[in-house]
């Protein structure tokens, strides 16, 4: 008799909690402090990506370019790069 309305209330509560969790658990800066890297002579985005990130360097090169608003892969010694988290 009361099982059906209780089930509906519990289901709605679960949906609401999941929605709120998804809303606030996104990329809210919980990745820690920003990391920086000063480019040295001979560095390339590829070599930096290989050293700093596990996995496919192509994805890391793209992330480095996006994070630093680089229109090309050209970097110069002394340039400061923000590393993706």
PDB file of N, CA and C in Angstrom:
ATOM      1  N   UNK A   1       0.820  -1.191   0.000  1.00  0.00           N
ATOM      2  CA  UNK A   1       0.000   0.000   0.000  1.00  0.00           C
ATOM      3  C   UNK A   1       0.867   1.259   0.000  1.00  0.00           C
ATOM      4  N   UNK A   2       1.820   1.330   0.929  1.00  0.00           N
ATOM      5  CA  UNK A   2       2.669   2.514   0.989  1.00  0.00           C
ATOM      6  C   UNK A   2       3.985   2.324   0.234  1.00  0.00           C
ATOM      7  N   UNK A   3       4.226   1.140  -0.275  1.00  0.00           N
ATOM      8  CA  UNK A   3       5.506   0.842  -0.921  1.00  0.00           C
ATOM      9  C   UNK A   3       5.698   1.646  -2.201  1.00  0.00           C
ATOM     10  N   UNK A   4       4.662   1.802  -2.982  1.00  0.00           N
ATOM     11  CA  UNK A   4       4.807   2.503  -4.256  1.00  0.00           C
ATOM     12  C   UNK A   4       5.121   3.985  -4.066  1.00  0.00           C
ATOM     13  N   UNK A   5       4.396   4.752  -3.254  1.00  0.00           N
ATOM     14  CA  UNK A   5       4.763   6.165  -3.062  1.00  0.00           C
ATOM     15  C   UNK A   5       6.150   6.331  -2.443  1.00  0.00           C
ATOM     16  N   UNK A   6       6.533   5.426  -1.539  1.00  0.00           N
ATOM     17  CA  UNK A   6       7.857   5.496  -0.929  1.00  0.00           C
ATOM     18  C   UNK A   6       8.935   5.246  -1.984  1.00  0.00           C
ATOM     19  N   UNK A   7       8.718   4.273  -2.858  1.00  0.00           N
ATOM     20  CA  UNK A   7       9.672   3.983  -3.925  1.00  0.00           C
ATOM     21  C   UNK A   7       9.845   5.197  -4.836  1.00  0.00           C
ATOM     22  N   UNK A   8       8.748   5.855  -5.175  1.00  0.00           N
ATOM     23  CA  UNK A   8       8.802   7.033  -6.056  1.00  0.00           C
ATOM     24  C   UNK A   8       9.569   8.155  -5.369  1.00  0.00           C
ATOM     25  N   UNK A   9       9.350   8.366  -4.083  1.00  0.00           N
ATOM     26  CA  UNK A   9      10.068   9.416  -3.355  1.00  0.00           C
ATOM     27  C   UNK A   9      11.565   9.116  -3.283  1.00  0.00           C
ATOM     28  N   UNK A  10      11.906   7.878  -3.003  1.00  0.00           N
ATOM     29  CA  UNK A  10      13.314   7.491  -2.933  1.00  0.00           C
ATOM     30  C   UNK A  10      13.967   7.639  -4.308  1.00  0.00           C
ATOM     31  N   UNK A  11      13.280   7.225  -5.357  1.00  0.00           N
ATOM     32  CA  UNK A  11      13.816   7.346  -6.711  1.00  0.00           C
ATOM     33  C   UNK A  11      14.036   8.817  -7.072  1.00  0.00           C
ATOM     34  N   UNK A  12      13.098   9.676  -6.753  1.00  0.00           N
ATOM     35  CA  UNK A  12      13.255  11.109  -7.032  1.00  0.00           C
ATOM     36  C   UNK A  12      14.407  11.709  -6.229  1.00  0.00           C
ATOM     37  N   UNK A  13      14.549  11.277  -5.000  1.00  0.00           N
ATOM     38  CA  UNK A  13      15.645  11.764  -4.169  1.00  0.00           C
ATOM     39  C   UNK A  13      16.995  11.335  -4.758  1.00  0.00           C
ATOM     40  N   UNK A  14      17.096  10.089  -5.208  1.00  0.00           N
ATOM     41  CA  UNK A  14      18.330   9.601  -5.816  1.00  0.00           C
ATOM     42  C   UNK A  14      18.651  10.391  -7.084  1.00  0.00           C
ATOM     43  N   UNK A  15      17.661  10.640  -7.907  1.00  0.00           N
ATOM     44  CA  UNK A  15      17.867  11.410  -9.140  1.00  0.00           C
ATOM     45  C   UNK A  15      18.331  12.823  -8.797  1.00  0.00           C
ATOM     46  N   UNK A  16      17.719  13.447  -7.801  1.00  0.00           N
ATOM     47  CA  UNK A  16      18.108  14.801  -7.407  1.00  0.00           C
ATOM     48  C   UNK A  16      19.546  14.832  -6.884  1.00  0.00           C
ATOM     49  N   UNK A  17      19.915  13.868  -6.060  1.00  0.00           N
ATOM     50  CA  UNK A  17      21.280  13.815  -5.527  1.00  0.00           C
ATOM     51  C   UNK A  17      22.282  13.609  -6.651  1.00  0.00           C
ATOM     52  N   UNK A  18      22.004  12.707  -7.581  1.00  0.00           N
ATOM     53  CA  UNK A  18      22.910  12.476  -8.705  1.00  0.00           C
ATOM     54  C   UNK A  18      23.057  13.725  -9.572  1.00  0.00           C
ATOM     55  N   UNK A  19      21.963  14.427  -9.790  1.00  0.00           N
ATOM     56  CA  UNK A  19      22.003  15.662 -10.580  1.00  0.00           C
ATOM     57  C   UNK A  19      22.886  16.702  -9.897  1.00  0.00           C
ATOM     58  N   UNK A  20      22.688  16.902  -8.600  1.00  0.00           N
ATOM     59  CA  UNK A  20      23.485  17.886  -7.873  1.00  0.00           C
ATOM     60  C   UNK A  20      24.957  17.484  -7.834  1.00  0.00           C
ATOM     61  N   UNK A  21      25.233  16.193  -7.649  1.00  0.00           N
ATOM     62  CA  UNK A  21      26.607  15.733  -7.651  1.00  0.00           C
ATOM     63  C   UNK A  21      27.269  16.016  -9.003  1.00  0.00           C
ATOM     64  N   UNK A  22      26.564  15.703 -10.089  1.00  0.00           N
ATOM     65  CA  UNK A  22      27.101  15.940 -11.427  1.00  0.00           C
ATOM     66  C   UNK A  22      27.316  17.426 -11.678  1.00  0.00           C
ATOM     67  N   UNK A  23      26.442  18.245 -11.156  1.00  0.00           N
ATOM     68  CA  UNK A  23      26.533  19.687 -11.343  1.00  0.00           C
ATOM     69  C   UNK A  23      27.750  20.265 -10.638  1.00  0.00           C
ATOM     70  N   UNK A  24      28.013  19.828  -9.421  1.00  0.00           N
ATOM     71  CA  UNK A  24      29.088  20.412  -8.626  1.00  0.00           C
ATOM     72  C   UNK A  24      30.390  19.629  -8.660  1.00  0.00           C
ATOM     73  N   UNK A  25      30.393  18.420  -9.162  1.00  0.00           N
ATOM     74  CA  UNK A  25      31.604  17.602  -9.162  1.00  0.00           C
ATOM     75  C   UNK A  25      32.411  17.763 -10.433  1.00  0.00           C
ATOM     76  N   UNK A  26      32.045  18.683 -11.285  1.00  0.00           N
ATOM     77  CA  UNK A  26      32.776  18.891 -12.528  1.00  0.00           C
ATOM     78  C   UNK A  26      34.171  19.400 -12.263  1.00  0.00           C
ATOM     79  N   UNK A  27      34.749  20.059 -13.228  1.00  0.00           N
ATOM     80  CA  UNK A  27      36.103  20.559 -13.097  1.00  0.00           C
ATOM     81  C   UNK A  27      36.083  21.861 -12.314  1.00  0.00           C
ATOM     82  N   UNK A  28      35.898  21.756 -11.043  1.00  0.00           N
ATOM     83  CA  UNK A  28      35.799  22.928 -10.184  1.00  0.00           C
ATOM     84  C   UNK A  28      37.125  23.391  -9.630  1.00  0.00           C
ATOM     85  N   UNK A  29      38.203  23.169 -10.358  1.00  0.00           N
ATOM     86  CA  UNK A  29      39.501  23.605  -9.889  1.00  0.00           C
ATOM     87  C   UNK A  29      40.068  22.692  -8.816  1.00  0.00           C
ATOM     88  N   UNK A  30      39.556  21.508  -8.710  1.00  0.00           N
ATOM     89  CA  UNK A  30      40.024  20.598  -7.681  1.00  0.00           C
ATOM     90  C   UNK A  30      41.300  19.881  -8.100  1.00  0.00           C
ATOM     91  N   UNK A  31      41.880  20.273  -9.210  1.00  0.00           N
ATOM     92  CA  UNK A  31      43.064  19.601  -9.714  1.00  0.00           C
ATOM     93  C   UNK A  31      44.349  20.032  -9.030  1.00  0.00           C
ATOM     94  N   UNK A  32      44.268  20.899  -8.063  1.00  0.00           N
ATOM     95  CA  UNK A  32      45.452  21.372  -7.374  1.00  0.00           C
ATOM     96  C   UNK A  32      45.976  22.652  -7.998  1.00  0.00           C
ATOM     97  N   UNK A  33      47.119  23.108  -7.520  1.00  0.00           N
ATOM     98  CA  UNK A  33      47.667  24.364  -8.027  1.00  0.00           C
ATOM     99  C   UNK A  33      48.151  24.226  -9.466  1.00  0.00           C
ATOM    100  N   UNK A  34      48.143  25.340 -10.168  1.00  0.00           N
ATOM    101  CA  UNK A  34      48.625  25.363 -11.545  1.00  0.00           C
ATOM    102  C   UNK A  34      50.112  25.058 -11.570  1.00  0.00           C
ATOM    103  N   UNK A  35      50.534  24.263 -12.531  1.00  0.00           N
ATOM    104  CA  UNK A  35      51.949  23.970 -12.700  1.00  0.00           C
ATOM    105  C   UNK A  35      52.471  24.725 -13.911  1.00  0.00           C
ATOM    106  N   UNK A  36      53.681  25.237 -13.810  1.00  0.00           N
ATOM    107  CA  UNK A  36      54.306  25.991 -14.891  1.00  0.00           C
ATOM    108  C   UNK A  36      55.602  25.310 -15.306  1.00  0.00           C
ATOM    109  N   UNK A  37      55.999  25.587 -16.541  1.00  0.00           N
ATOM    110  CA  UNK A  37      57.252  25.050 -17.061  1.00  0.00           C
ATOM    111  C   UNK A  37      57.926  26.137 -17.893  1.00  0.00           C
ATOM    112  N   UNK A  38      59.200  26.395 -17.610  1.00  0.00           N
ATOM    113  CA  UNK A  38      59.964  27.354 -18.412  1.00  0.00           C
ATOM    114  C   UNK A  38      60.677  26.582 -19.517  1.00  0.00           C
ATOM    115  N   UNK A  39      60.419  26.982 -20.750  1.00  0.00           N
ATOM    116  CA  UNK A  39      60.986  26.318 -21.923  1.00  0.00           C
ATOM    117  C   UNK A  39      62.502  26.501 -21.943  1.00  0.00           C
ATOM    118  N   UNK A  40      63.203  25.398 -22.195  1.00  0.00           N
ATOM    119  CA  UNK A  40      64.669  25.411 -22.307  1.00  0.00           C
ATOM    120  C   UNK A  40      65.058  25.253 -23.779  1.00  0.00           C
ATOM    121  N   UNK A  41      66.291  25.611 -24.086  1.00  0.00           N
ATOM    122  CA  UNK A  41      66.795  25.448 -25.456  1.00  0.00           C
ATOM    123  C   UNK A  41      66.664  23.987 -25.878  1.00  0.00           C
ATOM    124  N   UNK A  42      66.147  23.746 -27.048  1.00  0.00           N
ATOM    125  CA  UNK A  42      65.980  22.394 -27.573  1.00  0.00           C
ATOM    126  C   UNK A  42      64.638  21.761 -27.250  1.00  0.00           C
ATOM    127  N   UNK A  43      63.863  22.391 -26.366  1.00  0.00           N
ATOM    128  CA  UNK A  43      62.536  21.854 -26.034  1.00  0.00           C
ATOM    129  C   UNK A  43      61.574  22.017 -27.199  1.00  0.00           C
ATOM    130  N   UNK A  44      60.693  21.059 -27.328  1.00  0.00           N
ATOM    131  CA  UNK A  44      59.556  21.154 -28.248  1.00  0.00           C
ATOM    132  C   UNK A  44      58.313  20.793 -27.445  1.00  0.00           C
ATOM    133  N   UNK A  45      57.160  21.146 -27.961  1.00  0.00           N
ATOM    134  CA  UNK A  45      55.928  20.758 -27.271  1.00  0.00           C
ATOM    135  C   UNK A  45      55.860  19.242 -27.139  1.00  0.00           C
ATOM    136  N   UNK A  46      56.337  18.551 -28.166  1.00  0.00           N
ATOM    137  CA  UNK A  46      56.330  17.082 -28.140  1.00  0.00           C
ATOM    138  C   UNK A  46      57.200  16.551 -27.004  1.00  0.00           C
ATOM    139  N   UNK A  47      58.422  17.078 -26.868  1.00  0.00           N
ATOM    140  CA  UNK A  47      59.326  16.583 -25.825  1.00  0.00           C
ATOM    141  C   UNK A  47      58.796  16.917 -24.431  1.00  0.00           C
ATOM    142  N   UNK A  48      58.200  18.079 -24.282  1.00  0.00           N
ATOM    143  CA  UNK A  48      57.605  18.450 -22.990  1.00  0.00           C
ATOM    144  C   UNK A  48      56.435  17.526 -22.682  1.00  0.00           C
ATOM    145  N   UNK A  49      55.604  17.272 -23.674  1.00  0.00           N
ATOM    146  CA  UNK A  49      54.440  16.404 -23.485  1.00  0.00           C
ATOM    147  C   UNK A  49      54.878  14.991 -23.096  1.00  0.00           C
ATOM    148  N   UNK A  50      55.938  14.496 -23.724  1.00  0.00           N
ATOM    149  CA  UNK A  50      56.425  13.147 -23.392  1.00  0.00           C
ATOM    150  C   UNK A  50      56.931  13.066 -21.953  1.00  0.00           C
ATOM    151  N   UNK A  51      57.613  14.113 -21.497  1.00  0.00           N
ATOM    152  CA  UNK A  51      58.173  14.111 -20.139  1.00  0.00           C
ATOM    153  C   UNK A  51      57.130  14.354 -19.058  1.00  0.00           C
ATOM    154  N   UNK A  52      56.162  15.189 -19.332  1.00  0.00           N
ATOM    155  CA  UNK A  52      55.240  15.642 -18.295  1.00  0.00           C
ATOM    156  C   UNK A  52      53.966  14.808 -18.173  1.00  0.00           C
ATOM    157  N   UNK A  53      53.610  14.082 -19.216  1.00  0.00           N
ATOM    158  CA  UNK A  53      52.316  13.401 -19.218  1.00  0.00           C
ATOM    159  C   UNK A  53      52.456  11.965 -19.705  1.00  0.00           C
ATOM    160  N   UNK A  54      51.709  11.087 -19.054  1.00  0.00           N
ATOM    161  CA  UNK A  54      51.662   9.702 -19.510  1.00  0.00           C
ATOM    162  C   UNK A  54      50.666   9.604 -20.660  1.00  0.00           C
ATOM    163  N   UNK A  55      50.816   8.623 -21.473  1.00  0.00           N
ATOM    164  CA  UNK A  55      49.865   8.406 -22.553  1.00  0.00           C
ATOM    165  C   UNK A  55      50.356   8.976 -23.870  1.00  0.00           C
ATOM    166  N   UNK A  56      49.429   9.174 -24.775  1.00  0.00           N
ATOM    167  CA  UNK A  56      49.716   9.628 -26.128  1.00  0.00           C
ATOM    168  C   UNK A  56      50.188  11.086 -26.123  1.00  0.00           C
ATOM    169  N   UNK A  57      51.424  11.372 -26.582  1.00  0.00           N
ATOM    170  CA  UNK A  57      51.923  12.751 -26.585  1.00  0.00           C
ATOM    171  C   UNK A  57      51.103  13.691 -27.468  1.00  0.00           C
ATOM    172  N   UNK A  58      50.440  13.149 -28.500  1.00  0.00           N
ATOM    173  CA  UNK A  58      49.652  14.020 -29.382  1.00  0.00           C
ATOM    174  C   UNK A  58      48.552  14.728 -28.612  1.00  0.00           C
ATOM    175  N   UNK A  59      47.897  14.004 -27.729  1.00  0.00           N
ATOM    176  CA  UNK A  59      46.835  14.618 -26.919  1.00  0.00           C
ATOM    177  C   UNK A  59      47.413  15.669 -25.977  1.00  0.00           C
ATOM    178  N   UNK A  60      48.575  15.376 -25.397  1.00  0.00           N
ATOM    179  CA  UNK A  60      49.209  16.322 -24.484  1.00  0.00           C
ATOM    180  C   UNK A  60      49.686  17.577 -25.214  1.00  0.00           C
ATOM    181  N   UNK A  61      50.198  17.421 -26.430  1.00  0.00           N
ATOM    182  CA  UNK A  61      50.594  18.590 -27.231  1.00  0.00           C
ATOM    183  C   UNK A  61      49.375  19.463 -27.489  1.00  0.00           C
ATOM    184  N   UNK A  62      48.259  18.851 -27.847  1.00  0.00           N
ATOM    185  CA  UNK A  62      47.032  19.617 -28.090  1.00  0.00           C
ATOM    186  C   UNK A  62      46.611  20.348 -26.819  1.00  0.00           C
ATOM    187  N   UNK A  63      46.681  19.665 -25.657  1.00  0.00           N
ATOM    188  CA  UNK A  63      46.304  20.292 -24.390  1.00  0.00           C
ATOM    189  C   UNK A  63      47.235  21.456 -24.050  1.00  0.00           C
ATOM    190  N   UNK A  64      48.539  21.282 -24.296  1.00  0.00           N
ATOM    191  CA  UNK A  64      49.484  22.374 -24.052  1.00  0.00           C
ATOM    192  C   UNK A  64      49.165  23.582 -24.928  1.00  0.00           C
ATOM    193  N   UNK A  65      48.867  23.331 -26.204  1.00  0.00           N
ATOM    194  CA  UNK A  65      48.535  24.445 -27.103  1.00  0.00           C
ATOM    195  C   UNK A  65      47.253  25.139 -26.675  1.00  0.00           C
ATOM    196  N   UNK A  66      46.244  24.362 -26.298  1.00  0.00           N
ATOM    197  CA  UNK A  66      44.971  24.943 -25.866  1.00  0.00           C
ATOM    198  C   UNK A  66      45.135  25.743 -24.573  1.00  0.00           C
ATOM    199  N   UNK A  67      45.830  25.158 -23.617  1.00  0.00           N
ATOM    200  CA  UNK A  67      45.973  25.779 -22.291  1.00  0.00           C
ATOM    201  C   UNK A  67      46.753  27.079 -22.360  1.00  0.00           C
ATOM    202  N   UNK A  68      47.686  27.179 -23.335  1.00  0.00           N
ATOM    203  CA  UNK A  68      48.549  28.350 -23.441  1.00  0.00           C
ATOM    204  C   UNK A  68      48.193  29.259 -24.617  1.00  0.00           C
ATOM    205  N   UNK A  69      47.052  29.019 -25.250  1.00  0.00           N
ATOM    206  CA  UNK A  69      46.580  29.827 -26.392  1.00  0.00           C
ATOM    207  C   UNK A  69      47.651  29.968 -27.470  1.00  0.00           C
ATOM    208  N   UNK A  70      48.297  28.855 -27.816  1.00  0.00           N
ATOM    209  CA  UNK A  70      49.324  28.867 -28.846  1.00  0.00           C
ATOM    210  C   UNK A  70      48.679  28.588 -30.204  1.00  0.00           C
ATOM    211  N   UNK A  71      48.967  29.437 -31.178  1.00  0.00           N
ATOM    212  CA  UNK A  71      48.395  29.233 -32.507  1.00  0.00           C
ATOM    213  C   UNK A  71      49.223  28.251 -33.331  1.00  0.00           C
ATOM    214  N   UNK A  72      50.462  27.986 -32.885  1.00  0.00           N
ATOM    215  CA  UNK A  72      51.312  26.999 -33.563  1.00  0.00           C
ATOM    216  C   UNK A  72      52.098  26.253 -32.491  1.00  0.00           C
ATOM    217  N   UNK A  73      52.936  25.330 -32.935  1.00  0.00           N
ATOM    218  CA  UNK A  73      53.741  24.538 -32.005  1.00  0.00           C
ATOM    219  C   UNK A  73      55.078  25.208 -31.715  1.00  0.00           C
ATOM    220  N   UNK A  74      55.255  26.439 -32.174  1.00  0.00           N
ATOM    221  CA  UNK A  74      56.513  27.145 -31.977  1.00  0.00           C
ATOM    222  C   UNK A  74      56.595  27.691 -30.564  1.00  0.00           C
ATOM    223  N   UNK A  75      57.671  27.316 -29.861  1.00  0.00           N
ATOM    224  CA  UNK A  75      57.937  27.853 -28.529  1.00  0.00           C
ATOM    225  C   UNK A  75      59.385  28.319 -28.495  1.00  0.00           C
ATOM    226  N   UNK A  76      59.704  29.224 -27.575  1.00  0.00           N
ATOM    227  CA  UNK A  76      61.056  29.784 -27.503  1.00  0.00           C
ATOM    228  C   UNK A  76      61.612  29.610 -26.094  1.00  0.00           C
ATOM    229  N   UNK A  77      62.931  29.468 -25.977  1.00  0.00           N
ATOM    230  CA  UNK A  77      63.538  29.341 -24.657  1.00  0.00           C
ATOM    231  C   UNK A  77      63.162  30.535 -23.762  1.00  0.00           C
ATOM    232  N   UNK A  78      62.852  30.239 -22.514  1.00  0.00           N
ATOM    233  CA  UNK A  78      62.457  31.267 -21.556  1.00  0.00           C
ATOM    234  C   UNK A  78      60.949  31.458 -21.451  1.00  0.00           C
ATOM    235  N   UNK A  79      60.227  30.960 -22.432  1.00  0.00           N
ATOM    236  CA  UNK A  79      58.769  31.094 -22.426  1.00  0.00           C
ATOM    237  C   UNK A  79      58.182  30.241 -21.286  1.00  0.00           C
ATOM    238  N   UNK A  80      57.217  30.800 -20.575  1.00  0.00           N
ATOM    239  CA  UNK A  80      56.549  30.064 -19.490  1.00  0.00           C
ATOM    240  C   UNK A  80      55.285  29.429 -20.046  1.00  0.00           C
ATOM    241  N   UNK A  81      55.138  28.134 -19.793  1.00  0.00           N
ATOM    242  CA  UNK A  81      53.951  27.410 -20.209  1.00  0.00           C
ATOM    243  C   UNK A  81      53.188  26.950 -18.980  1.00  0.00           C
ATOM    244  N   UNK A  82      51.863  27.015 -19.067  1.00  0.00           N
ATOM    245  CA  UNK A  82      51.009  26.443 -18.024  1.00  0.00           C
ATOM    246  C   UNK A  82      50.755  25.008 -18.438  1.00  0.00           C
ATOM    247  N   UNK A  83      51.081  24.086 -17.542  1.00  0.00           N
ATOM    248  CA  UNK A  83      50.901  22.672 -17.850  1.00  0.00           C
ATOM    249  C   UNK A  83      49.478  22.237 -17.519  1.00  0.00           C
ATOM    250  N   UNK A  84      48.878  21.449 -18.403  1.00  0.00           N
ATOM    251  CA  UNK A  84      47.534  20.936 -18.093  1.00  0.00           C
ATOM    252  C   UNK A  84      47.596  19.977 -16.917  1.00  0.00           C
ATOM    253  N   UNK A  85      46.510  19.945 -16.129  1.00  0.00           N
ATOM    254  CA  UNK A  85      46.503  19.039 -14.972  1.00  0.00           C
ATOM    255  C   UNK A  85      46.120  17.651 -15.359  1.00  0.00           C
TER     256      UNK A  85
END
